[in-house]
Amino acid sequence: MTTISLITGASRGLGRNTALSIAKRGGDVVLTYRSQEQEAQAVVEEIQALGRQAIALPLDTGNVASFVAFAESLRAALRENWSRDTIDHLVNNAGHGDYATIDQLTEAQFDGLVDVHFKGVFFLTQTLLPIIADGGRIINLSTGLTRFSAPGYSVYAAAKGAVEVLTRYMAKELGPRGIAVNTVAPGAIETDFGGGVVRDNLELNRQFAAMTALGRVGMPDDIGPMIASLLSADNRWVTAQRIEVSGGQAI
């Protein structure tokens, strides 16, 4: 049976690449977007061109109050498009960067980072648990910044660190349902994340490349296929793990 993967924040960057990678492996996709509807629909069309089925639904992962309504929309879309009531995979990918040093970070920035990167991940997963099929998969996106540090990312990294702990608890509590839960932690990647700083700042790009064993920064194509592989039956015995995909950054 064809798998259905829900990927949050998949209108661009790593989420988009993950959606396309899953489709190339024969899976169908539900992708969410917060504001970039046209970009999300373009991803849907790319997936359809690959011969797979996809839909895009709006979702603000920082707004917990909206999750029940989103779950109802998801159920209706699953019935309409797949004649099913469940998804097989949840990829908690949506996120944003908000650079500020500890002495400059505002409470609003703090709340925004925690709401999206930790609180939203917890409560969206909780809300969708009845819709995730037994034997399914959950992947939470983290960051290499939980292992090494860079000034200005303290709260972002701390929220991701909380997600890494949460992943182990999810794996423990959802294990009886056969649901595997893992964390994927990318290193420096050339996307528009954080305003495209790694992609567009040549000097910073060179600095990250110099501290990476494989001699360059990452690309979306280094991450999406890895996530798609982790979701496959070939990795059914992998759970509660933090898997860093950084090319050997800062080792």
C-alpha atoms as a PDB file:
ATOM      1  CA  MET A   1       0.000   0.000   0.000  1.00  0.00           C
ATOM      2  CA  THR A   2       1.231   3.492  -0.845  1.00  0.00           C
ATOM      3  CA  THR A   3       2.433   5.473   2.148  1.00  0.00           C
ATOM      4  CA  ILE A   4       1.162   8.956   2.990  1.00  0.00           C
ATOM      5  CA  SER A   5       3.634  11.344   4.621  1.00  0.00           C
ATOM      6  CA  LEU A   6       2.654  14.627   6.272  1.00  0.00           C
ATOM      7  CA  ILE A   7       5.484  17.162   6.140  1.00  0.00           C
ATOM      8  CA  THR A   8       5.118  20.509   7.873  1.00  0.00           C
ATOM      9  CA  GLY A   9       6.664  23.573   6.300  1.00  0.00           C
ATOM     10  CA  ALA A  10       7.196  21.890   2.927  1.00  0.00           C
ATOM     11  CA  SER A  11       6.709  24.824   0.563  1.00  0.00           C
ATOM     12  CA  ARG A  12      10.457  25.484   0.495  1.00  0.00           C
ATOM     13  CA  GLY A  13      13.890  24.356   1.665  1.00  0.00           C
ATOM     14  CA  LEU A  14      14.381  21.028   3.369  1.00  0.00           C
ATOM     15  CA  GLY A  15      10.657  20.341   3.621  1.00  0.00           C
ATOM     16  CA  ARG A  16      10.217  20.728  -0.132  1.00  0.00           C
ATOM     17  CA  ASN A  17      13.210  18.513  -0.840  1.00  0.00           C
ATOM     18  CA  THR A  18      11.924  15.884   1.578  1.00  0.00           C
ATOM     19  CA  ALA A  19       8.500  15.888  -0.057  1.00  0.00           C
ATOM     20  CA  LEU A  20      10.009  15.396  -3.508  1.00  0.00           C
ATOM     21  CA  SER A  21      12.388  12.701  -2.232  1.00  0.00           C
ATOM     22  CA  ILE A  22       9.492  10.750  -0.731  1.00  0.00           C
ATOM     23  CA  ALA A  23       7.548  11.038  -3.975  1.00  0.00           C
ATOM     24  CA  LYS A  24      10.537   9.771  -5.963  1.00  0.00           C
ATOM     25  CA  ARG A  25      10.503   6.696  -3.719  1.00  0.00           C
ATOM     26  CA  GLY A  26       6.846   6.076  -4.515  1.00  0.00           C
ATOM     27  CA  GLY A  27       5.116   7.776  -1.579  1.00  0.00           C
ATOM     28  CA  ASP A  28       2.260  10.273  -1.506  1.00  0.00           C
ATOM     29  CA  VAL A  29       2.510  13.520   0.431  1.00  0.00           C
ATOM     30  CA  VAL A  30       0.433  15.960   2.440  1.00  0.00           C
ATOM     31  CA  LEU A  31       2.447  19.137   2.821  1.00  0.00           C
ATOM     32  CA  THR A  32       1.684  22.167   4.942  1.00  0.00           C
ATOM     33  CA  TYR A  33       2.513  25.819   4.485  1.00  0.00           C
ATOM     34  CA  ARG A  34       1.998  28.896   6.638  1.00  0.00           C
ATOM     35  CA  SER A  35       1.822  31.708   4.095  1.00  0.00           C
ATOM     36  CA  GLN A  36       3.436  30.581   0.843  1.00  0.00           C
ATOM     37  CA  GLU A  37       0.428  28.997  -0.839  1.00  0.00           C
ATOM     38  CA  GLN A  38       1.689  29.450  -4.391  1.00  0.00           C
ATOM     39  CA  GLU A  39       5.031  27.869  -3.555  1.00  0.00           C
ATOM     40  CA  ALA A  40       3.257  24.978  -1.824  1.00  0.00           C
ATOM     41  CA  GLN A  41       1.015  24.369  -4.829  1.00  0.00           C
ATOM     42  CA  ALA A  42       4.114  24.376  -7.050  1.00  0.00           C
ATOM     43  CA  VAL A  43       5.535  21.541  -4.920  1.00  0.00           C
ATOM     44  CA  VAL A  44       2.234  19.677  -5.269  1.00  0.00           C
ATOM     45  CA  GLU A  45       2.477  19.999  -9.045  1.00  0.00           C
ATOM     46  CA  GLU A  46       6.080  18.750  -9.018  1.00  0.00           C
ATOM     47  CA  ILE A  47       5.009  15.689  -7.036  1.00  0.00           C
ATOM     48  CA  GLN A  48       2.089  15.044  -9.355  1.00  0.00           C
ATOM     49  CA  ALA A  49       4.481  15.247 -12.315  1.00  0.00           C
ATOM     50  CA  LEU A  50       6.363  12.367 -10.683  1.00  0.00           C
ATOM     51  CA  GLY A  51       3.193  10.298 -10.813  1.00  0.00           C
ATOM     52  CA  ARG A  52       2.391  10.589  -7.109  1.00  0.00           C
ATOM     53  CA  GLN A  53      -0.515  12.201  -5.264  1.00  0.00           C
ATOM     54  CA  ALA A  54      -0.108  15.302  -3.095  1.00  0.00           C
ATOM     55  CA  ILE A  55      -2.134  18.057  -1.468  1.00  0.00           C
ATOM     56  CA  ALA A  56      -1.204  21.218   0.434  1.00  0.00           C
ATOM     57  CA  LEU A  57      -2.960  22.420   3.595  1.00  0.00           C
ATOM     58  CA  PRO A  58      -2.432  25.663   5.533  1.00  0.00           C
ATOM     59  CA  LEU A  59      -0.994  25.343   9.047  1.00  0.00           C
ATOM     60  CA  ASP A  60       0.677  27.686  11.504  1.00  0.00           C
ATOM     61  CA  THR A  61       2.741  25.341  13.671  1.00  0.00           C
ATOM     62  CA  GLY A  62       3.172  28.082  16.266  1.00  0.00           C
ATOM     63  CA  ASN A  63      -0.592  28.333  16.859  1.00  0.00           C
ATOM     64  CA  VAL A  64      -1.592  25.386  19.029  1.00  0.00           C
ATOM     65  CA  ALA A  65      -5.215  26.530  19.142  1.00  0.00           C
ATOM     66  CA  SER A  66      -5.532  25.807  15.414  1.00  0.00           C
ATOM     67  CA  PHE A  67      -4.422  22.172  15.590  1.00  0.00           C
ATOM     68  CA  VAL A  68      -7.807  20.545  16.239  1.00  0.00           C
ATOM     69  CA  ALA A  69      -9.312  22.283  13.209  1.00  0.00           C
ATOM     70  CA  PHE A  70      -6.281  21.309  11.142  1.00  0.00           C
ATOM     71  CA  ALA A  71      -6.699  17.666  12.165  1.00  0.00           C
ATOM     72  CA  GLU A  72     -10.318  17.763  10.994  1.00  0.00           C
ATOM     73  CA  SER A  73      -9.249  19.285   7.662  1.00  0.00           C
ATOM     74  CA  LEU A  74      -6.611  16.584   7.336  1.00  0.00           C
ATOM     75  CA  ARG A  75      -9.135  13.808   8.023  1.00  0.00           C
ATOM     76  CA  ALA A  76     -11.483  15.206   5.389  1.00  0.00           C
ATOM     77  CA  ALA A  77      -8.657  15.513   2.848  1.00  0.00           C
ATOM     78  CA  LEU A  78      -7.500  11.951   3.500  1.00  0.00           C
ATOM     79  CA  ARG A  79     -10.992  10.594   2.966  1.00  0.00           C
ATOM     80  CA  GLU A  80     -11.521  12.648  -0.178  1.00  0.00           C
ATOM     81  CA  ASN A  81      -8.162  11.974  -1.824  1.00  0.00           C
ATOM     82  CA  TRP A  82      -7.124   8.553  -0.516  1.00  0.00           C
ATOM     83  CA  SER A  83     -10.252   7.015   1.010  1.00  0.00           C
ATOM     84  CA  ARG A  84      -8.233   6.621   4.192  1.00  0.00           C
ATOM     85  CA  ASP A  85      -8.386   7.938   7.750  1.00  0.00           C
ATOM     86  CA  THR A  86      -4.694   7.756   8.612  1.00  0.00           C
ATOM     87  CA  ILE A  87      -1.232   8.887   7.571  1.00  0.00           C
ATOM     88  CA  ASP A  88       1.877   6.732   7.797  1.00  0.00           C
ATOM     89  CA  HIS A  89       4.516   9.362   8.508  1.00  0.00           C
ATOM     90  CA  LEU A  90       4.746  12.708  10.280  1.00  0.00           C
ATOM     91  CA  VAL A  91       7.789  14.886   9.608  1.00  0.00           C
ATOM     92  CA  ASN A  92       7.929  17.864  11.994  1.00  0.00           C
ATOM     93  CA  ASN A  93      10.026  20.104   9.773  1.00  0.00           C
ATOM     94  CA  ALA A  94       8.484  23.587   9.937  1.00  0.00           C
ATOM     95  CA  GLY A  95      10.671  26.220  11.541  1.00  0.00           C
ATOM     96  CA  HIS A  96      12.371  29.559  11.290  1.00  0.00           C
ATOM     97  CA  GLY A  97      15.634  31.171  12.341  1.00  0.00           C
ATOM     98  CA  ASP A  98      15.756  34.232  14.547  1.00  0.00           C
ATOM     99  CA  TYR A  99      19.330  35.320  15.154  1.00  0.00           C
ATOM    100  CA  ALA A 100      20.057  37.267  18.366  1.00  0.00           C
ATOM    101  CA  THR A 101      22.676  37.019  21.088  1.00  0.00           C
ATOM    102  CA  ILE A 102      21.580  36.309  24.660  1.00  0.00           C
ATOM    103  CA  ASP A 103      21.902  39.944  25.705  1.00  0.00           C
ATOM    104  CA  GLN A 104      19.738  41.104  22.777  1.00  0.00           C
ATOM    105  CA  LEU A 105      17.043  38.418  22.388  1.00  0.00           C
ATOM    106  CA  THR A 106      13.531  39.690  23.143  1.00  0.00           C
ATOM    107  CA  GLU A 107      10.764  37.814  24.894  1.00  0.00           C
ATOM    108  CA  ALA A 108       8.730  37.863  21.684  1.00  0.00           C
ATOM    109  CA  GLN A 109      11.599  36.233  19.786  1.00  0.00           C
ATOM    110  CA  PHE A 110      12.003  33.673  22.574  1.00  0.00           C
ATOM    111  CA  ASP A 111       8.310  32.798  22.529  1.00  0.00           C
ATOM    112  CA  GLY A 112       8.239  32.562  18.742  1.00  0.00           C
ATOM    113  CA  LEU A 113      11.135  30.116  18.641  1.00  0.00           C
ATOM    114  CA  VAL A 114       9.836  27.926  21.459  1.00  0.00           C
ATOM    115  CA  ASP A 115       6.245  27.956  20.146  1.00  0.00           C
ATOM    116  CA  VAL A 116       7.267  26.713  16.693  1.00  0.00           C
ATOM    117  CA  HIS A 117      10.241  24.511  17.449  1.00  0.00           C
ATOM    118  CA  PHE A 118       9.130  22.806  20.662  1.00  0.00           C
ATOM    119  CA  LYS A 119       5.601  23.540  21.857  1.00  0.00           C
ATOM    120  CA  GLY A 120       4.183  23.226  18.359  1.00  0.00           C
ATOM    121  CA  VAL A 121       6.003  19.953  17.719  1.00  0.00           C
ATOM    122  CA  PHE A 122       4.673  18.469  20.965  1.00  0.00           C
ATOM    123  CA  PHE A 123       1.042  19.481  20.574  1.00  0.00           C
ATOM    124  CA  LEU A 124       0.769  18.892  16.839  1.00  0.00           C
ATOM    125  CA  THR A 125       2.094  15.372  17.329  1.00  0.00           C
ATOM    126  CA  GLN A 126      -0.286  14.868  20.253  1.00  0.00           C
ATOM    127  CA  THR A 127      -3.235  16.079  18.177  1.00  0.00           C
ATOM    128  CA  LEU A 128      -2.360  13.859  15.221  1.00  0.00           C
ATOM    129  CA  LEU A 129      -1.681  10.663  17.193  1.00  0.00           C
ATOM    130  CA  PRO A 130      -5.128   9.203  16.386  1.00  0.00           C
ATOM    131  CA  ILE A 131      -4.450   9.846  12.682  1.00  0.00           C
ATOM    132  CA  ILE A 132      -0.987   8.246  12.583  1.00  0.00           C
ATOM    133  CA  ALA A 133      -1.234   4.582  11.650  1.00  0.00           C
ATOM    134  CA  ASP A 134       0.195   1.914  13.933  1.00  0.00           C
ATOM    135  CA  GLY A 135       3.614   0.925  12.626  1.00  0.00           C
ATOM    136  CA  GLY A 136       4.160   4.451  11.336  1.00  0.00           C
ATOM    137  CA  ARG A 137       7.084   6.846  11.620  1.00  0.00           C
ATOM    138  CA  ILE A 138       7.695  10.261  13.160  1.00  0.00           C
ATOM    139  CA  ILE A 139      10.764  12.357  12.372  1.00  0.00           C
ATOM    140  CA  ASN A 140      11.536  15.551  14.285  1.00  0.00           C
ATOM    141  CA  LEU A 141      13.974  17.989  12.737  1.00  0.00           C
ATOM    142  CA  SER A 142      16.724  19.309  14.992  1.00  0.00           C
ATOM    143  CA  THR A 143      20.075  20.963  14.257  1.00  0.00           C
ATOM    144  CA  GLY A 144      23.785  20.383  14.561  1.00  0.00           C
ATOM    145  CA  LEU A 145      23.744  23.399  16.893  1.00  0.00           C
ATOM    146  CA  THR A 146      22.647  21.148  19.754  1.00  0.00           C
ATOM    147  CA  ARG A 147      26.112  19.536  19.602  1.00  0.00           C
ATOM    148  CA  PHE A 148      28.268  22.539  18.690  1.00  0.00           C
ATOM    149  CA  SER A 149      27.503  26.186  19.336  1.00  0.00           C
ATOM    150  CA  ALA A 150      27.406  29.441  17.405  1.00  0.00           C
ATOM    151  CA  PRO A 151      26.638  32.814  19.001  1.00  0.00           C
ATOM    152  CA  GLY A 152      23.126  34.051  18.321  1.00  0.00           C
ATOM    153  CA  TYR A 153      21.343  30.687  18.214  1.00  0.00           C
ATOM    154  CA  SER A 154      20.984  29.922  21.928  1.00  0.00           C
ATOM    155  CA  VAL A 155      17.193  29.659  22.152  1.00  0.00           C
ATOM    156  CA  TYR A 156      16.785  28.042  18.724  1.00  0.00           C
ATOM    157  CA  ALA A 157      19.312  25.375  19.698  1.00  0.00           C
ATOM    158  CA  ALA A 158      17.837  24.973  23.193  1.00  0.00           C
ATOM    159  CA  ALA A 159      14.368  24.391  21.720  1.00  0.00           C
ATOM    160  CA  LYS A 160      15.817  21.812  19.339  1.00  0.00           C
ATOM    161  CA  GLY A 161      17.627  20.183  22.263  1.00  0.00           C
ATOM    162  CA  ALA A 162      14.267  19.850  23.979  1.00  0.00           C
ATOM    163  CA  VAL A 163      12.888  18.193  20.840  1.00  0.00           C
ATOM    164  CA  GLU A 164      15.734  15.677  20.898  1.00  0.00           C
ATOM    165  CA  VAL A 165      14.786  14.663  24.444  1.00  0.00           C
ATOM    166  CA  LEU A 166      11.113  14.642  23.477  1.00  0.00           C
ATOM    167  CA  THR A 167      11.927  12.300  20.582  1.00  0.00           C
ATOM    168  CA  ARG A 168      13.251   9.650  22.971  1.00  0.00           C
ATOM    169  CA  TYR A 169      10.124   9.901  25.118  1.00  0.00           C
ATOM    170  CA  MET A 170       7.904   9.672  22.053  1.00  0.00           C
ATOM    171  CA  ALA A 171       9.801   6.565  20.930  1.00  0.00           C
ATOM    172  CA  LYS A 172       9.287   5.003  24.361  1.00  0.00           C
ATOM    173  CA  GLU A 173       5.609   5.829  24.722  1.00  0.00           C
ATOM    174  CA  LEU A 174       4.613   5.127  21.102  1.00  0.00           C
ATOM    175  CA  GLY A 175       6.697   1.961  20.815  1.00  0.00           C
ATOM    176  CA  PRO A 176       3.768  -0.282  21.797  1.00  0.00           C
ATOM    177  CA  ARG A 177       1.992   0.973  18.668  1.00  0.00           C
ATOM    178  CA  GLY A 178       5.012   0.084  16.535  1.00  0.00           C
ATOM    179  CA  ILE A 179       5.698   3.764  15.781  1.00  0.00           C
ATOM    180  CA  ALA A 180       9.390   4.601  15.350  1.00  0.00           C
ATOM    181  CA  VAL A 181      10.450   8.134  16.287  1.00  0.00           C
ATOM    182  CA  ASN A 182      13.798   9.694  15.397  1.00  0.00           C
ATOM    183  CA  THR A 183      15.541  13.046  15.207  1.00  0.00           C
ATOM    184  CA  VAL A 184      17.371  14.259  12.105  1.00  0.00           C
ATOM    185  CA  ALA A 185      19.872  17.040  12.809  1.00  0.00           C
ATOM    186  CA  PRO A 186      21.254  18.851   9.738  1.00  0.00           C
ATOM    187  CA  GLY A 187      24.412  20.929   9.866  1.00  0.00           C
ATOM    188  CA  ALA A 188      24.935  24.116   7.854  1.00  0.00           C
ATOM    189  CA  ILE A 189      22.766  23.907   4.724  1.00  0.00           C
ATOM    190  CA  GLU A 190      22.377  26.190   1.707  1.00  0.00           C
ATOM    191  CA  THR A 191      18.695  27.191   1.963  1.00  0.00           C
ATOM    192  CA  ASP A 192      16.774  30.401   2.634  1.00  0.00           C
ATOM    193  CA  PHE A 193      16.696  29.521   6.369  1.00  0.00           C
ATOM    194  CA  GLY A 194      17.720  32.468   8.526  1.00  0.00           C
ATOM    195  CA  GLY A 195      17.483  34.773   5.545  1.00  0.00           C
ATOM    196  CA  GLY A 196      19.697  32.510   3.454  1.00  0.00           C
ATOM    197  CA  VAL A 197      22.781  33.355   5.510  1.00  0.00           C
ATOM    198  CA  VAL A 198      24.690  30.125   4.767  1.00  0.00           C
ATOM    199  CA  ARG A 199      23.703  30.186   1.101  1.00  0.00           C
ATOM    200  CA  ASP A 200      24.320  33.873   0.405  1.00  0.00           C
ATOM    201  CA  ASN A 201      27.175  34.881   2.725  1.00  0.00           C
ATOM    202  CA  LEU A 202      30.231  33.595   0.862  1.00  0.00           C
ATOM    203  CA  GLU A 203      32.623  34.127   3.757  1.00  0.00           C
ATOM    204  CA  LEU A 204      30.372  32.319   6.241  1.00  0.00           C
ATOM    205  CA  ASN A 205      29.851  29.551   3.716  1.00  0.00           C
ATOM    206  CA  ARG A 206      33.621  29.111   3.447  1.00  0.00           C
ATOM    207  CA  GLN A 207      34.006  29.078   7.224  1.00  0.00           C
ATOM    208  CA  PHE A 208      31.461  26.287   7.622  1.00  0.00           C
ATOM    209  CA  ALA A 209      32.998  24.352   4.724  1.00  0.00           C
ATOM    210  CA  ALA A 210      36.421  24.590   6.368  1.00  0.00           C
ATOM    211  CA  MET A 211      35.130  23.009   9.587  1.00  0.00           C
ATOM    212  CA  THR A 212      33.330  20.169   7.786  1.00  0.00           C
ATOM    213  CA  ALA A 213      35.071  16.849   7.180  1.00  0.00           C
ATOM    214  CA  LEU A 214      33.649  16.481   3.665  1.00  0.00           C
ATOM    215  CA  GLY A 215      34.836  19.962   2.758  1.00  0.00           C
ATOM    216  CA  ARG A 216      31.625  21.833   1.936  1.00  0.00           C
ATOM    217  CA  VAL A 217      28.331  22.932   3.436  1.00  0.00           C
ATOM    218  CA  GLY A 218      25.250  20.832   2.890  1.00  0.00           C
ATOM    219  CA  MET A 219      22.591  21.091   0.201  1.00  0.00           C
ATOM    220  CA  PRO A 220      18.887  20.209   0.452  1.00  0.00           C
ATOM    221  CA  ASP A 221      19.642  17.140  -1.682  1.00  0.00           C
ATOM    222  CA  ASP A 222      21.865  15.900   1.144  1.00  0.00           C
ATOM    223  CA  ILE A 223      18.953  15.906   3.602  1.00  0.00           C
ATOM    224  CA  GLY A 224      15.676  15.084   1.855  1.00  0.00           C
ATOM    225  CA  PRO A 225      16.777  11.698   0.470  1.00  0.00           C
ATOM    226  CA  MET A 226      18.181  10.732   3.872  1.00  0.00           C
ATOM    227  CA  ILE A 227      14.832  11.473   5.557  1.00  0.00           C
ATOM    228  CA  ALA A 228      12.974   9.548   2.864  1.00  0.00           C
ATOM    229  CA  SER A 229      15.300   6.608   3.449  1.00  0.00           C
ATOM    230  CA  LEU A 230      14.775   6.746   7.213  1.00  0.00           C
ATOM    231  CA  LEU A 231      11.012   6.560   6.656  1.00  0.00           C
ATOM    232  CA  SER A 232      11.319   3.397   4.588  1.00  0.00           C
ATOM    233  CA  ALA A 233      10.771  -0.152   5.821  1.00  0.00           C
ATOM    234  CA  ASP A 234      14.515  -0.716   5.466  1.00  0.00           C
ATOM    235  CA  ASN A 235      14.966   1.352   8.656  1.00  0.00           C
ATOM    236  CA  ARG A 236      12.077  -0.118  10.638  1.00  0.00           C
ATOM    237  CA  TRP A 237      14.380  -1.074  13.556  1.00  0.00           C
ATOM    238  CA  VAL A 238      15.791   2.440  14.035  1.00  0.00           C
ATOM    239  CA  THR A 239      14.068   4.447  16.763  1.00  0.00           C
ATOM    240  CA  ALA A 240      14.907   6.956  19.525  1.00  0.00           C
ATOM    241  CA  GLN A 241      18.022   8.069  17.643  1.00  0.00           C
ATOM    242  CA  ARG A 242      19.539  11.468  16.894  1.00  0.00           C
ATOM    243  CA  ILE A 243      21.032  11.216  13.418  1.00  0.00           C
ATOM    244  CA  GLU A 244      23.246  14.133  12.470  1.00  0.00           C
ATOM    245  CA  VAL A 245      23.487  14.831   8.730  1.00  0.00           C
ATOM    246  CA  SER A 246      26.222  17.427   8.590  1.00  0.00           C
ATOM    247  CA  GLY A 247      29.056  16.017   6.496  1.00  0.00           C
ATOM    248  CA  GLY A 248      31.108  15.788   9.674  1.00  0.00           C
ATOM    249  CA  GLN A 249      30.820  19.398  10.820  1.00  0.00           C
ATOM    250  CA  ALA A 250      32.935  20.405  13.822  1.00  0.00           C
ATOM    251  CA  ILE A 251      34.253  16.928  14.597  1.00  0.00           C
END
